[in-house]
Amino acid sequence: MRNVIHFVHTSVDGHIDGPNGEFDWPVMKADLSDYSHALTDRADTILYGRVVWAPARTSC
């Protein structure tokens, strides 16, 4: 059986988007980036939603 890791940027009040639906507030500093890379290194499959994947796809 595989483990599922749910990793999402969440504000203190539990929101994942801004007041107008924008997703531009997470700041990837070194410690968060290192943690994120450590999680993805353990993953076989990564599942992204369209709102996150579309801008990431065009920046590669």
PDB file of N, CA and C in Angstrom:
ATOM      1  N   MET A   1       0.836  -1.175   0.000  1.00  0.00           N
ATOM      2  CA  MET A   1       0.000   0.000   0.000  1.00  0.00           C
ATOM      3  C   MET A   1       0.881   1.238   0.000  1.00  0.00           C
ATOM      4  N   ARG A   2       0.484   2.238  -0.761  1.00  0.00           N
ATOM      5  CA  ARG A   2       1.222   3.491  -0.866  1.00  0.00           C
ATOM      6  C   ARG A   2       0.676   4.525   0.110  1.00  0.00           C
ATOM      7  N   ASN A   3       1.538   5.447   0.506  1.00  0.00           N
ATOM      8  CA  ASN A   3       1.118   6.564   1.344  1.00  0.00           C
ATOM      9  C   ASN A   3       0.714   7.736   0.468  1.00  0.00           C
ATOM     10  N   VAL A   4      -0.232   8.513   0.931  1.00  0.00           N
ATOM     11  CA  VAL A   4      -0.637   9.743   0.262  1.00  0.00           C
ATOM     12  C   VAL A   4      -0.172  10.912   1.117  1.00  0.00           C
ATOM     13  N   ILE A   5       0.580  11.826   0.509  1.00  0.00           N
ATOM     14  CA  ILE A   5       1.034  13.024   1.202  1.00  0.00           C
ATOM     15  C   ILE A   5       0.286  14.204   0.603  1.00  0.00           C
ATOM     16  N   HIS A   6      -0.419  14.920   1.435  1.00  0.00           N
ATOM     17  CA  HIS A   6      -1.146  16.113   0.991  1.00  0.00           C
ATOM     18  C   HIS A   6      -0.328  17.320   1.418  1.00  0.00           C
ATOM     19  N   PHE A   7       0.219  18.035   0.447  1.00  0.00           N
ATOM     20  CA  PHE A   7       1.072  19.183   0.732  1.00  0.00           C
ATOM     21  C   PHE A   7       0.496  20.387   0.007  1.00  0.00           C
ATOM     22  N   VAL A   8       0.053  21.373   0.768  1.00  0.00           N
ATOM     23  CA  VAL A   8      -0.544  22.557   0.168  1.00  0.00           C
ATOM     24  C   VAL A   8      -0.170  23.773   1.005  1.00  0.00           C
ATOM     25  N   HIS A   9       0.103  24.872   0.327  1.00  0.00           N
ATOM     26  CA  HIS A   9       0.346  26.132   1.028  1.00  0.00           C
ATOM     27  C   HIS A   9      -0.982  26.608   1.598  1.00  0.00           C
ATOM     28  N   THR A  10      -1.004  26.868   2.886  1.00  0.00           N
ATOM     29  CA  THR A  10      -2.229  27.294   3.549  1.00  0.00           C
ATOM     30  C   THR A  10      -1.917  28.482   4.446  1.00  0.00           C
ATOM     31  N   SER A  11      -2.761  29.488   4.396  1.00  0.00           N
ATOM     32  CA  SER A  11      -2.579  30.633   5.283  1.00  0.00           C
ATOM     33  C   SER A  11      -2.976  30.252   6.707  1.00  0.00           C
ATOM     34  N   VAL A  12      -2.663  31.100   7.658  1.00  0.00           N
ATOM     35  CA  VAL A  12      -2.968  30.837   9.059  1.00  0.00           C
ATOM     36  C   VAL A  12      -4.462  30.622   9.269  1.00  0.00           C
ATOM     37  N   ASP A  13      -5.277  31.320   8.494  1.00  0.00           N
ATOM     38  CA  ASP A  13      -6.726  31.173   8.651  1.00  0.00           C
ATOM     39  C   ASP A  13      -7.321  30.086   7.749  1.00  0.00           C
ATOM     40  N   GLY A  14      -6.467  29.245   7.138  1.00  0.00           N
ATOM     41  CA  GLY A  14      -6.938  28.073   6.417  1.00  0.00           C
ATOM     42  C   GLY A  14      -7.279  28.266   4.950  1.00  0.00           C
ATOM     43  N   HIS A  15      -6.889  29.381   4.346  1.00  0.00           N
ATOM     44  CA  HIS A  15      -7.190  29.625   2.932  1.00  0.00           C
ATOM     45  C   HIS A  15      -6.004  29.228   2.052  1.00  0.00           C
ATOM     46  N   ILE A  16      -6.308  28.786   0.834  1.00  0.00           N
ATOM     47  CA  ILE A  16      -5.248  28.456  -0.108  1.00  0.00           C
ATOM     48  C   ILE A  16      -5.190  29.426  -1.271  1.00  0.00           C
ATOM     49  N   ASP A  17      -6.062  30.411  -1.274  1.00  0.00           N
ATOM     50  CA  ASP A  17      -6.023  31.435  -2.323  1.00  0.00           C
ATOM     51  C   ASP A  17      -6.292  32.801  -1.709  1.00  0.00           C
ATOM     52  N   GLY A  18      -6.018  33.836  -2.484  1.00  0.00           N
ATOM     53  CA  GLY A  18      -6.242  35.200  -2.026  1.00  0.00           C
ATOM     54  C   GLY A  18      -7.711  35.578  -2.088  1.00  0.00           C
ATOM     55  N   PRO A  19      -8.048  36.795  -1.667  1.00  0.00           N
ATOM     56  CA  PRO A  19      -9.444  37.222  -1.617  1.00  0.00           C
ATOM     57  C   PRO A  19     -10.129  37.254  -2.987  1.00  0.00           C
ATOM     58  N   ASN A  20      -9.343  37.360  -4.052  1.00  0.00           N
ATOM     59  CA  ASN A  20      -9.910  37.383  -5.407  1.00  0.00           C
ATOM     60  C   ASN A  20      -9.630  36.095  -6.173  1.00  0.00           C
ATOM     61  N   GLY A  21      -9.289  35.030  -5.439  1.00  0.00           N
ATOM     62  CA  GLY A  21      -9.026  33.744  -6.074  1.00  0.00           C
ATOM     63  C   GLY A  21      -7.612  33.578  -6.583  1.00  0.00           C
ATOM     64  N   GLU A  22      -6.743  34.551  -6.373  1.00  0.00           N
ATOM     65  CA  GLU A  22      -5.373  34.467  -6.881  1.00  0.00           C
ATOM     66  C   GLU A  22      -4.535  33.497  -6.043  1.00  0.00           C
ATOM     67  N   PHE A  23      -3.533  32.943  -6.683  1.00  0.00           N
ATOM     68  CA  PHE A  23      -2.617  32.012  -6.013  1.00  0.00           C
ATOM     69  C   PHE A  23      -1.201  32.538  -6.197  1.00  0.00           C
ATOM     70  N   ASP A  24      -0.926  33.688  -5.632  1.00  0.00           N
ATOM     71  CA  ASP A  24       0.390  34.298  -5.824  1.00  0.00           C
ATOM     72  C   ASP A  24       1.084  34.652  -4.516  1.00  0.00           C
ATOM     73  N   TRP A  25       0.518  34.269  -3.390  1.00  0.00           N
ATOM     74  CA  TRP A  25       1.075  34.704  -2.124  1.00  0.00           C
ATOM     75  C   TRP A  25       2.143  33.801  -1.513  1.00  0.00           C
ATOM     76  N   PRO A  26       2.225  32.473  -1.827  1.00  0.00           N
ATOM     77  CA  PRO A  26       3.278  31.677  -1.198  1.00  0.00           C
ATOM     78  C   PRO A  26       4.664  32.137  -1.643  1.00  0.00           C
ATOM     79  N   VAL A  27       5.546  32.350  -0.704  1.00  0.00           N
ATOM     80  CA  VAL A  27       6.916  32.751  -0.996  1.00  0.00           C
ATOM     81  C   VAL A  27       7.826  31.565  -0.696  1.00  0.00           C
ATOM     82  N   MET A  28       8.497  31.075  -1.716  1.00  0.00           N
ATOM     83  CA  MET A  28       9.351  29.896  -1.563  1.00  0.00           C
ATOM     84  C   MET A  28      10.760  30.315  -1.136  1.00  0.00           C
ATOM     85  N   LYS A  29      10.950  30.462   0.165  1.00  0.00           N
ATOM     86  CA  LYS A  29      12.293  30.727   0.681  1.00  0.00           C
ATOM     87  C   LYS A  29      13.021  29.400   0.802  1.00  0.00           C
ATOM     88  N   ALA A  30      14.285  29.457   1.162  1.00  0.00           N
ATOM     89  CA  ALA A  30      15.139  28.258   1.148  1.00  0.00           C
ATOM     90  C   ALA A  30      14.595  27.118   1.997  1.00  0.00           C
ATOM     91  N   ASP A  31      14.109  27.404   3.213  1.00  0.00           N
ATOM     92  CA  ASP A  31      13.655  26.313   4.076  1.00  0.00           C
ATOM     93  C   ASP A  31      12.396  25.637   3.540  1.00  0.00           C
ATOM     94  N   LEU A  32      11.460  26.410   3.013  1.00  0.00           N
ATOM     95  CA  LEU A  32      10.257  25.820   2.424  1.00  0.00           C
ATOM     96  C   LEU A  32      10.584  25.083   1.133  1.00  0.00           C
ATOM     97  N   SER A  33      11.471  25.633   0.353  1.00  0.00           N
ATOM     98  CA  SER A  33      11.888  24.971  -0.881  1.00  0.00           C
ATOM     99  C   SER A  33      12.574  23.636  -0.582  1.00  0.00           C
ATOM    100  N   ASP A  34      13.455  23.612   0.409  1.00  0.00           N
ATOM    101  CA  ASP A  34      14.135  22.367   0.793  1.00  0.00           C
ATOM    102  C   ASP A  34      13.134  21.316   1.257  1.00  0.00           C
ATOM    103  N   TYR A  35      12.160  21.737   2.059  1.00  0.00           N
ATOM    104  CA  TYR A  35      11.126  20.819   2.555  1.00  0.00           C
ATOM    105  C   TYR A  35      10.296  20.267   1.393  1.00  0.00           C
ATOM    106  N   SER A  36       9.918  21.142   0.480  1.00  0.00           N
ATOM    107  CA  SER A  36       9.127  20.730  -0.679  1.00  0.00           C
ATOM    108  C   SER A  36       9.892  19.723  -1.543  1.00  0.00           C
ATOM    109  N   HIS A  37      11.168  19.984  -1.759  1.00  0.00           N
ATOM    110  CA  HIS A  37      11.993  19.065  -2.561  1.00  0.00           C
ATOM    111  C   HIS A  37      12.154  17.720  -1.865  1.00  0.00           C
ATOM    112  N   ALA A  38      12.291  17.731  -0.544  1.00  0.00           N
ATOM    113  CA  ALA A  38      12.416  16.479   0.205  1.00  0.00           C
ATOM    114  C   ALA A  38      11.150  15.633   0.061  1.00  0.00           C
ATOM    115  N   LEU A  39       9.983  16.280   0.086  1.00  0.00           N
ATOM    116  CA  LEU A  39       8.733  15.536  -0.100  1.00  0.00           C
ATOM    117  C   LEU A  39       8.614  14.979  -1.512  1.00  0.00           C
ATOM    118  N   THR A  40       8.912  15.799  -2.509  1.00  0.00           N
ATOM    119  CA  THR A  40       8.760  15.332  -3.889  1.00  0.00           C
ATOM    120  C   THR A  40       9.790  14.268  -4.247  1.00  0.00           C
ATOM    121  N   ASP A  41      10.949  14.283  -3.598  1.00  0.00           N
ATOM    122  CA  ASP A  41      11.939  13.230  -3.850  1.00  0.00           C
ATOM    123  C   ASP A  41      11.438  11.859  -3.400  1.00  0.00           C
ATOM    124  N   ARG A  42      10.515  11.825  -2.439  1.00  0.00           N
ATOM    125  CA  ARG A  42       9.958  10.571  -1.941  1.00  0.00           C
ATOM    126  C   ARG A  42       8.747  10.102  -2.743  1.00  0.00           C
ATOM    127  N   ALA A  43       8.280  10.906  -3.677  1.00  0.00           N
ATOM    128  CA  ALA A  43       7.028  10.610  -4.371  1.00  0.00           C
ATOM    129  C   ALA A  43       7.256   9.834  -5.666  1.00  0.00           C
ATOM    130  N   ASP A  44       6.323   8.938  -5.962  1.00  0.00           N
ATOM    131  CA  ASP A  44       6.300   8.254  -7.252  1.00  0.00           C
ATOM    132  C   ASP A  44       5.485   9.057  -8.259  1.00  0.00           C
ATOM    133  N   THR A  45       4.447   9.702  -7.772  1.00  0.00           N
ATOM    134  CA  THR A  45       3.511  10.449  -8.613  1.00  0.00           C
ATOM    135  C   THR A  45       3.149  11.743  -7.903  1.00  0.00           C
ATOM    136  N   ILE A  46       3.077  12.819  -8.668  1.00  0.00           N
ATOM    137  CA  ILE A  46       2.662  14.110  -8.120  1.00  0.00           C
ATOM    138  C   ILE A  46       1.435  14.565  -8.893  1.00  0.00           C
ATOM    139  N   LEU A  47       0.414  14.955  -8.168  1.00  0.00           N
ATOM    140  CA  LEU A  47      -0.848  15.369  -8.772  1.00  0.00           C
ATOM    141  C   LEU A  47      -1.048  16.859  -8.537  1.00  0.00           C
ATOM    142  N   TYR A  48      -1.156  17.618  -9.629  1.00  0.00           N
ATOM    143  CA  TYR A  48      -1.381  19.058  -9.549  1.00  0.00           C
ATOM    144  C   TYR A  48      -2.761  19.397 -10.082  1.00  0.00           C
ATOM    145  N   GLY A  49      -3.366  20.435  -9.536  1.00  0.00           N
ATOM    146  CA  GLY A  49      -4.597  20.978 -10.094  1.00  0.00           C
ATOM    147  C   GLY A  49      -4.274  21.914 -11.249  1.00  0.00           C
ATOM    148  N   ARG A  50      -5.267  22.217 -12.060  1.00  0.00           N
ATOM    149  CA  ARG A  50      -5.061  23.050 -13.238  1.00  0.00           C
ATOM    150  C   ARG A  50      -4.517  24.437 -12.906  1.00  0.00           C
ATOM    151  N   VAL A  51      -5.019  25.045 -11.831  1.00  0.00           N
ATOM    152  CA  VAL A  51      -4.620  26.409 -11.487  1.00  0.00           C
ATOM    153  C   VAL A  51      -3.136  26.488 -11.142  1.00  0.00           C
ATOM    154  N   VAL A  52      -2.591  25.451 -10.533  1.00  0.00           N
ATOM    155  CA  VAL A  52      -1.169  25.430 -10.198  1.00  0.00           C
ATOM    156  C   VAL A  52      -0.344  24.955 -11.392  1.00  0.00           C
ATOM    157  N   TRP A  53      -0.831  23.965 -12.122  1.00  0.00           N
ATOM    158  CA  TRP A  53      -0.053  23.361 -13.200  1.00  0.00           C
ATOM    159  C   TRP A  53       0.122  24.297 -14.399  1.00  0.00           C
ATOM    160  N   ALA A  54      -0.893  25.021 -14.786  1.00  0.00           N
ATOM    161  CA  ALA A  54      -0.818  25.860 -15.994  1.00  0.00           C
ATOM    162  C   ALA A  54       0.334  26.863 -15.937  1.00  0.00           C
ATOM    163  N   PRO A  55       0.463  27.673 -14.880  1.00  0.00           N
ATOM    164  CA  PRO A  55       1.606  28.601 -14.854  1.00  0.00           C
ATOM    165  C   PRO A  55       2.945  27.886 -14.700  1.00  0.00           C
ATOM    166  N   ALA A  56       2.979  26.793 -13.955  1.00  0.00           N
ATOM    167  CA  ALA A  56       4.226  26.054 -13.776  1.00  0.00           C
ATOM    168  C   ALA A  56       4.688  25.451 -15.090  1.00  0.00           C
ATOM    169  N   ARG A  57       3.763  24.968 -15.883  1.00  0.00           N
ATOM    170  CA  ARG A  57       4.088  24.346 -17.163  1.00  0.00           C
ATOM    171  C   ARG A  57       4.712  25.353 -18.115  1.00  0.00           C
ATOM    172  N   THR A  58       4.215  26.577 -18.116  1.00  0.00           N
ATOM    173  CA  THR A  58       4.717  27.577 -19.060  1.00  0.00           C
ATOM    174  C   THR A  58       6.043  28.169 -18.610  1.00  0.00           C
ATOM    175  N   SER A  59       6.395  28.020 -17.320  1.00  0.00           N
ATOM    176  CA  SER A  59       7.665  28.584 -16.837  1.00  0.00           C
ATOM    177  C   SER A  59       8.823  27.613 -16.991  1.00  0.00           C
ATOM    178  N   CYS A  60       8.568  26.364 -17.399  1.00  0.00           N
ATOM    179  CA  CYS A  60       9.640  25.365 -17.529  1.00  0.00           C
ATOM    180  C   CYS A  60      10.402  25.538 -18.822  1.00  0.00           C
TER     181      CYS A  60
END
